[in-house]
Amino acid sequence: MCDEPVVLALSEPTQKSLAQIKEIFGETPVVLTRDTSWFAWDEDPQIVVSSVVRQAGYQLQGIPHTYFDRDYEWYAGLVNDDGSLSPIAP
């Protein structure tokens, strides 16, 4: 996806705003999100990236004393003219 316009959806966009973004870019942007409920999809999206990230709490001196794992699942779609999304298969 090099040289492709990308929309990183960290908050819920409207279909209208996605359609406007596509119009402004003059190309079809790719939307990346972790929340599929924010969008109207033409079909059910599949997970394109799934990972577990370990994060630790530590002080400047010493080794980490606590850690926790977070599961991340990312979905991707192409913006249609009406602002809905067509999923990108993994």
C-alpha atoms as a PDB file:
ATOM      1  CA  MET A   1       0.000   0.000   0.000  1.00  0.00           C
ATOM      2  CA  CYS A   2       2.852   2.376  -0.662  1.00  0.00           C
ATOM      3  CA  ASP A   3       1.867   5.745  -2.070  1.00  0.00           C
ATOM      4  CA  GLU A   4      -1.808   5.157  -1.211  1.00  0.00           C
ATOM      5  CA  PRO A   5      -3.843   7.645   0.799  1.00  0.00           C
ATOM      6  CA  VAL A   6      -4.678   6.151   4.213  1.00  0.00           C
ATOM      7  CA  VAL A   7      -7.278   7.172   6.792  1.00  0.00           C
ATOM      8  CA  LEU A   8      -6.429   5.957  10.298  1.00  0.00           C
ATOM      9  CA  ALA A   9      -9.793   5.851  12.074  1.00  0.00           C
ATOM     10  CA  LEU A  10      -9.166   6.326  15.789  1.00  0.00           C
ATOM     11  CA  SER A  11     -12.596   7.904  16.246  1.00  0.00           C
ATOM     12  CA  GLU A  12     -15.870   7.339  14.427  1.00  0.00           C
ATOM     13  CA  PRO A  13     -16.039   9.163  11.065  1.00  0.00           C
ATOM     14  CA  THR A  14     -19.315   9.732   9.212  1.00  0.00           C
ATOM     15  CA  GLN A  15     -20.037   8.236   5.802  1.00  0.00           C
ATOM     16  CA  LYS A  16     -20.295  11.801   4.484  1.00  0.00           C
ATOM     17  CA  SER A  17     -16.819  12.708   5.771  1.00  0.00           C
ATOM     18  CA  LEU A  18     -15.316   9.565   4.195  1.00  0.00           C
ATOM     19  CA  ALA A  19     -16.966  10.402   0.856  1.00  0.00           C
ATOM     20  CA  GLN A  20     -15.550  13.943   1.111  1.00  0.00           C
ATOM     21  CA  ILE A  21     -12.070  12.606   1.894  1.00  0.00           C
ATOM     22  CA  LYS A  22     -12.229  10.418  -1.211  1.00  0.00           C
ATOM     23  CA  GLU A  23     -13.315  13.377  -3.303  1.00  0.00           C
ATOM     24  CA  ILE A  24     -10.538  15.627  -1.920  1.00  0.00           C
ATOM     25  CA  PHE A  25      -7.822  12.969  -2.417  1.00  0.00           C
ATOM     26  CA  GLY A  26      -9.050  12.248  -5.940  1.00  0.00           C
ATOM     27  CA  GLU A  27      -8.222   8.605  -5.191  1.00  0.00           C
ATOM     28  CA  THR A  28      -9.730   5.797  -3.160  1.00  0.00           C
ATOM     29  CA  PRO A  29      -8.259   5.923   0.351  1.00  0.00           C
ATOM     30  CA  VAL A  30      -7.677   2.893   2.521  1.00  0.00           C
ATOM     31  CA  VAL A  31      -9.297   3.039   5.980  1.00  0.00           C
ATOM     32  CA  LEU A  32      -7.596   1.256   8.899  1.00  0.00           C
ATOM     33  CA  THR A  33      -9.623   0.655  12.050  1.00  0.00           C
ATOM     34  CA  ARG A  34     -10.010  -1.586  15.070  1.00  0.00           C
ATOM     35  CA  ASP A  35     -13.762  -0.923  15.384  1.00  0.00           C
ATOM     36  CA  THR A  36     -15.878  -2.296  12.519  1.00  0.00           C
ATOM     37  CA  SER A  37     -19.123  -0.963  14.004  1.00  0.00           C
ATOM     38  CA  TRP A  38     -18.209   2.600  12.975  1.00  0.00           C
ATOM     39  CA  PHE A  39     -18.672   1.858   9.274  1.00  0.00           C
ATOM     40  CA  ALA A  40     -21.215   0.644   6.733  1.00  0.00           C
ATOM     41  CA  TRP A  41     -19.502  -2.314   4.997  1.00  0.00           C
ATOM     42  CA  ASP A  42     -20.665  -3.944   1.736  1.00  0.00           C
ATOM     43  CA  GLU A  43     -19.753  -7.293   3.326  1.00  0.00           C
ATOM     44  CA  ASP A  44     -18.319  -8.488   6.620  1.00  0.00           C
ATOM     45  CA  PRO A  45     -14.669  -7.444   6.979  1.00  0.00           C
ATOM     46  CA  GLN A  46     -11.922  -9.872   7.928  1.00  0.00           C
ATOM     47  CA  ILE A  47      -9.025  -9.190  10.259  1.00  0.00           C
ATOM     48  CA  VAL A  48      -6.016  -8.074   8.201  1.00  0.00           C
ATOM     49  CA  VAL A  49      -3.547  -7.799  11.093  1.00  0.00           C
ATOM     50  CA  SER A  50      -3.730  -9.481  14.487  1.00  0.00           C
ATOM     51  CA  SER A  51      -1.044  -9.110  17.126  1.00  0.00           C
ATOM     52  CA  VAL A  52      -0.288  -9.220  20.816  1.00  0.00           C
ATOM     53  CA  VAL A  53       1.754  -6.346  22.222  1.00  0.00           C
ATOM     54  CA  ARG A  54       3.446  -6.657  25.609  1.00  0.00           C
ATOM     55  CA  GLN A  55       3.702  -3.400  27.514  1.00  0.00           C
ATOM     56  CA  ALA A  56       5.585  -2.917  30.749  1.00  0.00           C
ATOM     57  CA  GLY A  57       5.567  -0.420  33.566  1.00  0.00           C
ATOM     58  CA  TYR A  58       9.025   0.432  34.832  1.00  0.00           C
ATOM     59  CA  GLN A  59      11.137   3.015  36.553  1.00  0.00           C
ATOM     60  CA  LEU A  60      14.238   4.604  35.116  1.00  0.00           C
ATOM     61  CA  GLN A  61      16.254   2.323  37.365  1.00  0.00           C
ATOM     62  CA  GLY A  62      15.637  -1.376  37.521  1.00  0.00           C
ATOM     63  CA  ILE A  63      13.749  -3.948  35.545  1.00  0.00           C
ATOM     64  CA  PRO A  64      10.047  -3.790  34.648  1.00  0.00           C
ATOM     65  CA  HIS A  65       7.904  -4.684  37.632  1.00  0.00           C
ATOM     66  CA  THR A  66       4.572  -5.103  35.858  1.00  0.00           C
ATOM     67  CA  TYR A  67       3.526  -5.959  32.355  1.00  0.00           C
ATOM     68  CA  PHE A  68       0.362  -6.661  30.442  1.00  0.00           C
ATOM     69  CA  ASP A  69      -0.469  -7.994  27.007  1.00  0.00           C
ATOM     70  CA  ARG A  70      -2.887  -6.294  24.632  1.00  0.00           C
ATOM     71  CA  ASP A  71      -4.509  -8.004  21.686  1.00  0.00           C
ATOM     72  CA  TYR A  72      -4.941  -5.871  18.584  1.00  0.00           C
ATOM     73  CA  GLU A  73      -7.068  -6.688  15.547  1.00  0.00           C
ATOM     74  CA  TRP A  74      -7.047  -4.315  12.589  1.00  0.00           C
ATOM     75  CA  TYR A  75      -9.474  -4.181   9.678  1.00  0.00           C
ATOM     76  CA  ALA A  76      -9.045  -2.403   6.340  1.00  0.00           C
ATOM     77  CA  GLY A  77     -11.422  -1.173   3.670  1.00  0.00           C
ATOM     78  CA  LEU A  78     -11.586   0.945   0.548  1.00  0.00           C
ATOM     79  CA  VAL A  79     -13.894   3.962   0.602  1.00  0.00           C
ATOM     80  CA  ASN A  80     -16.781   3.802  -1.880  1.00  0.00           C
ATOM     81  CA  ASP A  81     -18.314   6.936  -3.457  1.00  0.00           C
ATOM     82  CA  ASP A  82     -21.100   6.980  -0.829  1.00  0.00           C
ATOM     83  CA  GLY A  83     -18.638   6.699   2.090  1.00  0.00           C
ATOM     84  CA  SER A  84     -19.308   3.022   2.803  1.00  0.00           C
ATOM     85  CA  LEU A  85     -16.388   0.576   2.825  1.00  0.00           C
ATOM     86  CA  SER A  86     -15.431  -2.454   0.756  1.00  0.00           C
ATOM     87  CA  PRO A  87     -13.286  -4.737   2.920  1.00  0.00           C
ATOM     88  CA  ILE A  88      -9.742  -5.624   1.936  1.00  0.00           C
ATOM     89  CA  ALA A  89      -9.107  -9.335   2.357  1.00  0.00           C
ATOM     90  CA  PRO A  90      -5.909 -10.380   4.109  1.00  0.00           C
END
